[in-house]
């Protein structure tokens, strides 16, 4: 049986920390930022840690397990 492949779309969007948490870019940062307040744009910069529930599924996608 061949190896399971990594889910490439997930790999492009998230990164795992050393402890296994999932870091991702916040939603709403790509375009149409002119209508947002400066405070909201500033708070959307950088990355944030994903909540616990979907973490296991994303780890499986990145490790090549079925999802």
PDB file of N, CA and C in Angstrom:
ATOM      1  N   UNK A   1       0.843  -1.185   0.000  1.00  0.00           N
ATOM      2  CA  UNK A   1       0.000   0.000   0.000  1.00  0.00           C
ATOM      3  C   UNK A   1       0.888   1.248   0.000  1.00  0.00           C
ATOM      4  N   UNK A   2       0.590   2.223  -0.867  1.00  0.00           N
ATOM      5  CA  UNK A   2       1.444   3.412  -0.948  1.00  0.00           C
ATOM      6  C   UNK A   2       1.274   4.322   0.272  1.00  0.00           C
ATOM      7  N   UNK A   3       2.217   5.241   0.397  1.00  0.00           N
ATOM      8  CA  UNK A   3       2.160   6.195   1.502  1.00  0.00           C
ATOM      9  C   UNK A   3       0.988   7.156   1.312  1.00  0.00           C
ATOM     10  N   UNK A   4       0.487   7.679   2.433  1.00  0.00           N
ATOM     11  CA  UNK A   4      -0.556   8.702   2.368  1.00  0.00           C
ATOM     12  C   UNK A   4       0.103  10.033   2.035  1.00  0.00           C
ATOM     13  N   UNK A   5      -0.546  10.824   1.205  1.00  0.00           N
ATOM     14  CA  UNK A   5       0.024  12.097   0.800  1.00  0.00           C
ATOM     15  C   UNK A   5      -0.406  13.210   1.752  1.00  0.00           C
ATOM     16  N   UNK A   6       0.465  14.204   1.890  1.00  0.00           N
ATOM     17  CA  UNK A   6       0.140  15.404   2.658  1.00  0.00           C
ATOM     18  C   UNK A   6      -0.914  16.199   1.912  1.00  0.00           C
ATOM     19  N   UNK A   7      -1.848  16.798   2.636  1.00  0.00           N
ATOM     20  CA  UNK A   7      -2.877  17.634   2.029  1.00  0.00           C
ATOM     21  C   UNK A   7      -2.264  19.001   1.744  1.00  0.00           C
ATOM     22  N   UNK A   8      -1.950  19.275   0.466  1.00  0.00           N
ATOM     23  CA  UNK A   8      -1.168  20.448   0.094  1.00  0.00           C
ATOM     24  C   UNK A   8      -1.885  21.767   0.368  1.00  0.00           C
ATOM     25  N   UNK A   9      -3.199  21.795   0.229  1.00  0.00           N
ATOM     26  CA  UNK A   9      -3.930  23.043   0.489  1.00  0.00           C
ATOM     27  C   UNK A   9      -3.819  23.433   1.962  1.00  0.00           C
ATOM     28  N   UNK A  10      -3.851  22.439   2.836  1.00  0.00           N
ATOM     29  CA  UNK A  10      -3.701  22.707   4.264  1.00  0.00           C
ATOM     30  C   UNK A  10      -2.276  23.157   4.564  1.00  0.00           C
ATOM     31  N   UNK A  11      -1.322  22.542   3.932  1.00  0.00           N
ATOM     32  CA  UNK A  11       0.079  22.879   4.161  1.00  0.00           C
ATOM     33  C   UNK A  11       0.369  24.335   3.802  1.00  0.00           C
ATOM     34  N   UNK A  12      -0.306  24.860   2.780  1.00  0.00           N
ATOM     35  CA  UNK A  12      -0.091  26.237   2.357  1.00  0.00           C
ATOM     36  C   UNK A  12      -0.707  27.246   3.322  1.00  0.00           C
ATOM     37  N   UNK A  13      -1.676  26.815   4.114  1.00  0.00           N
ATOM     38  CA  UNK A  13      -2.435  27.756   4.934  1.00  0.00           C
ATOM     39  C   UNK A  13      -2.084  27.749   6.415  1.00  0.00           C
ATOM     40  N   UNK A  14      -1.518  26.663   6.909  1.00  0.00           N
ATOM     41  CA  UNK A  14      -1.248  26.567   8.341  1.00  0.00           C
ATOM     42  C   UNK A  14       0.161  26.043   8.589  1.00  0.00           C
ATOM     43  N   UNK A  15       0.595  26.205   9.834  1.00  0.00           N
ATOM     44  CA  UNK A  15       1.901  25.703  10.254  1.00  0.00           C
ATOM     45  C   UNK A  15       1.767  25.159  11.668  1.00  0.00           C
ATOM     46  N   UNK A  16       2.443  24.049  11.934  1.00  0.00           N
ATOM     47  CA  UNK A  16       2.409  23.466  13.270  1.00  0.00           C
ATOM     48  C   UNK A  16       3.558  24.012  14.108  1.00  0.00           C
ATOM     49  N   UNK A  17       3.265  24.302  15.376  1.00  0.00           N
ATOM     50  CA  UNK A  17       4.311  24.693  16.309  1.00  0.00           C
ATOM     51  C   UNK A  17       4.984  23.430  16.843  1.00  0.00           C
ATOM     52  N   UNK A  18       6.033  23.603  17.615  1.00  0.00           N
ATOM     53  CA  UNK A  18       6.759  22.460  18.158  1.00  0.00           C
ATOM     54  C   UNK A  18       5.884  21.637  19.100  1.00  0.00           C
ATOM     55  N   UNK A  19       4.947  22.299  19.787  1.00  0.00           N
ATOM     56  CA  UNK A  19       4.079  21.580  20.725  1.00  0.00           C
ATOM     57  C   UNK A  19       2.842  21.009  20.043  1.00  0.00           C
ATOM     58  N   UNK A  20       2.703  21.212  18.717  1.00  0.00           N
ATOM     59  CA  UNK A  20       1.590  20.632  17.978  1.00  0.00           C
ATOM     60  C   UNK A  20       0.411  21.557  17.787  1.00  0.00           C
ATOM     61  N   UNK A  21       0.518  22.813  18.256  1.00  0.00           N
ATOM     62  CA  UNK A  21      -0.574  23.754  18.031  1.00  0.00           C
ATOM     63  C   UNK A  21      -0.538  24.206  16.575  1.00  0.00           C
ATOM     64  N   UNK A  22      -1.674  24.728  16.090  1.00  0.00           N
ATOM     65  CA  UNK A  22      -1.784  25.126  14.690  1.00  0.00           C
ATOM     66  C   UNK A  22      -1.825  26.644  14.595  1.00  0.00           C
ATOM     67  N   UNK A  23      -0.874  27.218  13.843  1.00  0.00           N
ATOM     68  CA  UNK A  23      -0.851  28.658  13.607  1.00  0.00           C
ATOM     69  C   UNK A  23      -1.431  28.931  12.226  1.00  0.00           C
ATOM     70  N   UNK A  24      -2.208  30.009  12.109  1.00  0.00           N
ATOM     71  CA  UNK A  24      -2.803  30.350  10.824  1.00  0.00           C
ATOM     72  C   UNK A  24      -2.930  31.854  10.696  1.00  0.00           C
ATOM     73  N   UNK A  25      -3.164  32.304   9.487  1.00  0.00           N
ATOM     74  CA  UNK A  25      -3.363  33.717   9.214  1.00  0.00           C
ATOM     75  C   UNK A  25      -4.833  34.034   9.419  1.00  0.00           C
ATOM     76  N   UNK A  26      -5.121  35.173  10.012  1.00  0.00           N
ATOM     77  CA  UNK A  26      -6.499  35.549  10.277  1.00  0.00           C
ATOM     78  C   UNK A  26      -7.293  35.809   9.012  1.00  0.00           C
ATOM     79  N   UNK A  27      -8.569  35.588   9.079  1.00  0.00           N
ATOM     80  CA  UNK A  27      -9.429  35.831   7.923  1.00  0.00           C
ATOM     81  C   UNK A  27      -9.638  37.328   7.722  1.00  0.00           C
ATOM     82  N   UNK A  28      -9.918  37.708   6.485  1.00  0.00           N
ATOM     83  CA  UNK A  28     -10.235  39.091   6.183  1.00  0.00           C
ATOM     84  C   UNK A  28      -9.031  39.979   5.975  1.00  0.00           C
ATOM     85  N   UNK A  29      -7.874  39.403   5.644  1.00  0.00           N
ATOM     86  CA  UNK A  29      -6.663  40.217   5.486  1.00  0.00           C
ATOM     87  C   UNK A  29      -6.236  40.382   4.031  1.00  0.00           C
ATOM     88  N   UNK A  30      -6.937  39.740   3.113  1.00  0.00           N
ATOM     89  CA  UNK A  30      -6.455  39.715   1.730  1.00  0.00           C
ATOM     90  C   UNK A  30      -6.741  40.996   0.959  1.00  0.00           C
ATOM     91  N   UNK A  31      -7.948  41.503   1.046  1.00  0.00           N
ATOM     92  CA  UNK A  31      -8.306  42.682   0.257  1.00  0.00           C
ATOM     93  C   UNK A  31      -9.474  43.398   0.921  1.00  0.00           C
ATOM     94  N   UNK A  32      -9.852  44.537   0.366  1.00  0.00           N
ATOM     95  CA  UNK A  32     -10.936  45.382   0.883  1.00  0.00           C
ATOM     96  C   UNK A  32     -10.658  45.874   2.303  1.00  0.00           C
ATOM     97  N   UNK A  33      -9.386  46.127   2.600  1.00  0.00           N
ATOM     98  CA  UNK A  33      -9.018  46.563   3.946  1.00  0.00           C
ATOM     99  C   UNK A  33      -9.242  48.059   4.154  1.00  0.00           C
ATOM    100  N   UNK A  34      -9.508  48.798   3.082  1.00  0.00           N
ATOM    101  CA  UNK A  34      -9.667  50.250   3.195  1.00  0.00           C
ATOM    102  C   UNK A  34     -10.874  50.598   4.064  1.00  0.00           C
ATOM    103  N   UNK A  35     -11.886  49.787   4.002  1.00  0.00           N
ATOM    104  CA  UNK A  35     -13.102  50.100   4.759  1.00  0.00           C
ATOM    105  C   UNK A  35     -12.977  49.775   6.247  1.00  0.00           C
ATOM    106  N   UNK A  36     -11.911  49.055   6.641  1.00  0.00           N
ATOM    107  CA  UNK A  36     -11.725  48.725   8.052  1.00  0.00           C
ATOM    108  C   UNK A  36     -11.055  49.871   8.787  1.00  0.00           C
ATOM    109  N   UNK A  37     -11.259  49.919  10.086  1.00  0.00           N
ATOM    110  CA  UNK A  37     -10.561  50.903  10.902  1.00  0.00           C
ATOM    111  C   UNK A  37      -9.089  50.496  11.016  1.00  0.00           C
ATOM    112  N   UNK A  38      -8.234  51.449  11.320  1.00  0.00           N
ATOM    113  CA  UNK A  38      -6.811  51.162  11.456  1.00  0.00           C
ATOM    114  C   UNK A  38      -6.570  50.166  12.573  1.00  0.00           C
ATOM    115  N   UNK A  39      -7.342  50.271  13.643  1.00  0.00           N
ATOM    116  CA  UNK A  39      -7.188  49.367  14.777  1.00  0.00           C
ATOM    117  C   UNK A  39      -7.492  47.931  14.364  1.00  0.00           C
ATOM    118  N   UNK A  40      -8.542  47.747  13.579  1.00  0.00           N
ATOM    119  CA  UNK A  40      -8.910  46.397  13.161  1.00  0.00           C
ATOM    120  C   UNK A  40      -7.867  45.807  12.223  1.00  0.00           C
ATOM    121  N   UNK A  41      -7.354  46.634  11.292  1.00  0.00           N
ATOM    122  CA  UNK A  41      -6.304  46.153  10.387  1.00  0.00           C
ATOM    123  C   UNK A  41      -5.044  45.785  11.153  1.00  0.00           C
ATOM    124  N   UNK A  42      -4.693  46.582  12.135  1.00  0.00           N
ATOM    125  CA  UNK A  42      -3.507  46.330  12.937  1.00  0.00           C
ATOM    126  C   UNK A  42      -3.634  45.014  13.708  1.00  0.00           C
ATOM    127  N   UNK A  43      -4.817  44.756  14.234  1.00  0.00           N
ATOM    128  CA  UNK A  43      -5.030  43.526  14.995  1.00  0.00           C
ATOM    129  C   UNK A  43      -5.090  42.279  14.117  1.00  0.00           C
ATOM    130  N   UNK A  44      -5.293  42.440  12.817  1.00  0.00           N
ATOM    131  CA  UNK A  44      -5.322  41.301  11.908  1.00  0.00           C
ATOM    132  C   UNK A  44      -3.934  40.904  11.410  1.00  0.00           C
ATOM    133  N   UNK A  45      -2.924  41.712  11.727  1.00  0.00           N
ATOM    134  CA  UNK A  45      -1.575  41.383  11.294  1.00  0.00           C
ATOM    135  C   UNK A  45      -1.060  40.134  11.999  1.00  0.00           C
ATOM    136  N   UNK A  46      -0.114  39.473  11.365  1.00  0.00           N
ATOM    137  CA  UNK A  46       0.534  38.342  12.004  1.00  0.00           C
ATOM    138  C   UNK A  46      -0.309  37.079  11.971  1.00  0.00           C
ATOM    139  N   UNK A  47       0.033  36.153  12.844  1.00  0.00           N
ATOM    140  CA  UNK A  47      -0.654  34.867  12.884  1.00  0.00           C
ATOM    141  C   UNK A  47      -1.297  34.663  14.240  1.00  0.00           C
ATOM    142  N   UNK A  48      -2.212  33.712  14.300  1.00  0.00           N
ATOM    143  CA  UNK A  48      -2.847  33.379  15.574  1.00  0.00           C
ATOM    144  C   UNK A  48      -2.949  31.874  15.686  1.00  0.00           C
ATOM    145  N   UNK A  49      -3.137  31.414  16.905  1.00  0.00           N
ATOM    146  CA  UNK A  49      -3.229  29.978  17.164  1.00  0.00           C
ATOM    147  C   UNK A  49      -4.680  29.538  17.018  1.00  0.00           C
ATOM    148  N   UNK A  50      -4.872  28.434  16.338  1.00  0.00           N
ATOM    149  CA  UNK A  50      -6.204  27.904  16.093  1.00  0.00           C
ATOM    150  C   UNK A  50      -6.781  27.288  17.364  1.00  0.00           C
ATOM    151  N   UNK A  51      -8.096  27.319  17.503  1.00  0.00           N
ATOM    152  CA  UNK A  51      -8.766  26.712  18.651  1.00  0.00           C
ATOM    153  C   UNK A  51      -8.565  25.196  18.631  1.00  0.00           C
ATOM    154  N   UNK A  52      -8.785  24.563  19.759  1.00  0.00           N
ATOM    155  CA  UNK A  52      -8.518  23.135  19.920  1.00  0.00           C
ATOM    156  C   UNK A  52      -9.305  22.188  19.001  1.00  0.00           C
ATOM    157  N   UNK A  53     -10.633  22.326  18.842  1.00  0.00           N
ATOM    158  CA  UNK A  53     -11.400  21.263  18.166  1.00  0.00           C
ATOM    159  C   UNK A  53     -10.883  20.825  16.793  1.00  0.00           C
ATOM    160  N   UNK A  54     -10.570  21.730  15.856  1.00  0.00           N
ATOM    161  CA  UNK A  54     -10.123  21.235  14.544  1.00  0.00           C
ATOM    162  C   UNK A  54      -8.638  20.892  14.467  1.00  0.00           C
ATOM    163  N   UNK A  55      -7.908  21.061  15.558  1.00  0.00           N
ATOM    164  CA  UNK A  55      -6.464  20.862  15.524  1.00  0.00           C
ATOM    165  C   UNK A  55      -6.077  19.449  15.118  1.00  0.00           C
ATOM    166  N   UNK A  56      -6.744  18.446  15.646  1.00  0.00           N
ATOM    167  CA  UNK A  56      -6.381  17.049  15.354  1.00  0.00           C
ATOM    168  C   UNK A  56      -6.545  16.737  13.865  1.00  0.00           C
ATOM    169  N   UNK A  57      -7.629  17.209  13.262  1.00  0.00           N
ATOM    170  CA  UNK A  57      -7.865  16.934  11.841  1.00  0.00           C
ATOM    171  C   UNK A  57      -6.792  17.581  10.977  1.00  0.00           C
ATOM    172  N   UNK A  58      -6.376  18.780  11.337  1.00  0.00           N
ATOM    173  CA  UNK A  58      -5.350  19.475  10.559  1.00  0.00           C
ATOM    174  C   UNK A  58      -3.995  18.793  10.718  1.00  0.00           C
ATOM    175  N   UNK A  59      -3.681  18.346  11.925  1.00  0.00           N
ATOM    176  CA  UNK A  59      -2.440  17.609  12.134  1.00  0.00           C
ATOM    177  C   UNK A  59      -2.411  16.350  11.287  1.00  0.00           C
ATOM    178  N   UNK A  60      -3.535  15.663  11.179  1.00  0.00           N
ATOM    179  CA  UNK A  60      -3.601  14.460  10.356  1.00  0.00           C
ATOM    180  C   UNK A  60      -3.383  14.788   8.876  1.00  0.00           C
ATOM    181  N   UNK A  61      -3.947  15.897   8.410  1.00  0.00           N
ATOM    182  CA  UNK A  61      -3.758  16.295   7.017  1.00  0.00           C
ATOM    183  C   UNK A  61      -2.280  16.567   6.720  1.00  0.00           C
ATOM    184  N   UNK A  62      -1.612  17.219   7.653  1.00  0.00           N
ATOM    185  CA  UNK A  62      -0.225  17.582   7.426  1.00  0.00           C
ATOM    186  C   UNK A  62       0.729  16.400   7.574  1.00  0.00           C
ATOM    187  N   UNK A  63       0.343  15.411   8.351  1.00  0.00           N
ATOM    188  CA  UNK A  63       1.210  14.252   8.555  1.00  0.00           C
ATOM    189  C   UNK A  63       0.953  13.159   7.517  1.00  0.00           C
ATOM    190  N   UNK A  64      -0.034  13.385   6.632  1.00  0.00           N
ATOM    191  CA  UNK A  64      -0.281  12.405   5.585  1.00  0.00           C
ATOM    192  C   UNK A  64      -1.246  11.315   5.998  1.00  0.00           C
ATOM    193  N   UNK A  65      -1.960  11.498   7.092  1.00  0.00           N
ATOM    194  CA  UNK A  65      -2.982  10.525   7.473  1.00  0.00           C
ATOM    195  C   UNK A  65      -4.276  10.873   6.744  1.00  0.00           C
ATOM    196  N   UNK A  66      -5.162   9.916   6.630  1.00  0.00           N
ATOM    197  CA  UNK A  66      -6.429  10.200   5.970  1.00  0.00           C
ATOM    198  C   UNK A  66      -7.248  11.149   6.830  1.00  0.00           C
ATOM    199  N   UNK A  67      -8.118  11.917   6.198  1.00  0.00           N
ATOM    200  CA  UNK A  67      -8.946  12.870   6.937  1.00  0.00           C
ATOM    201  C   UNK A  67     -10.362  12.779   6.476  1.00  0.00           C
TER     202      UNK A  67
END
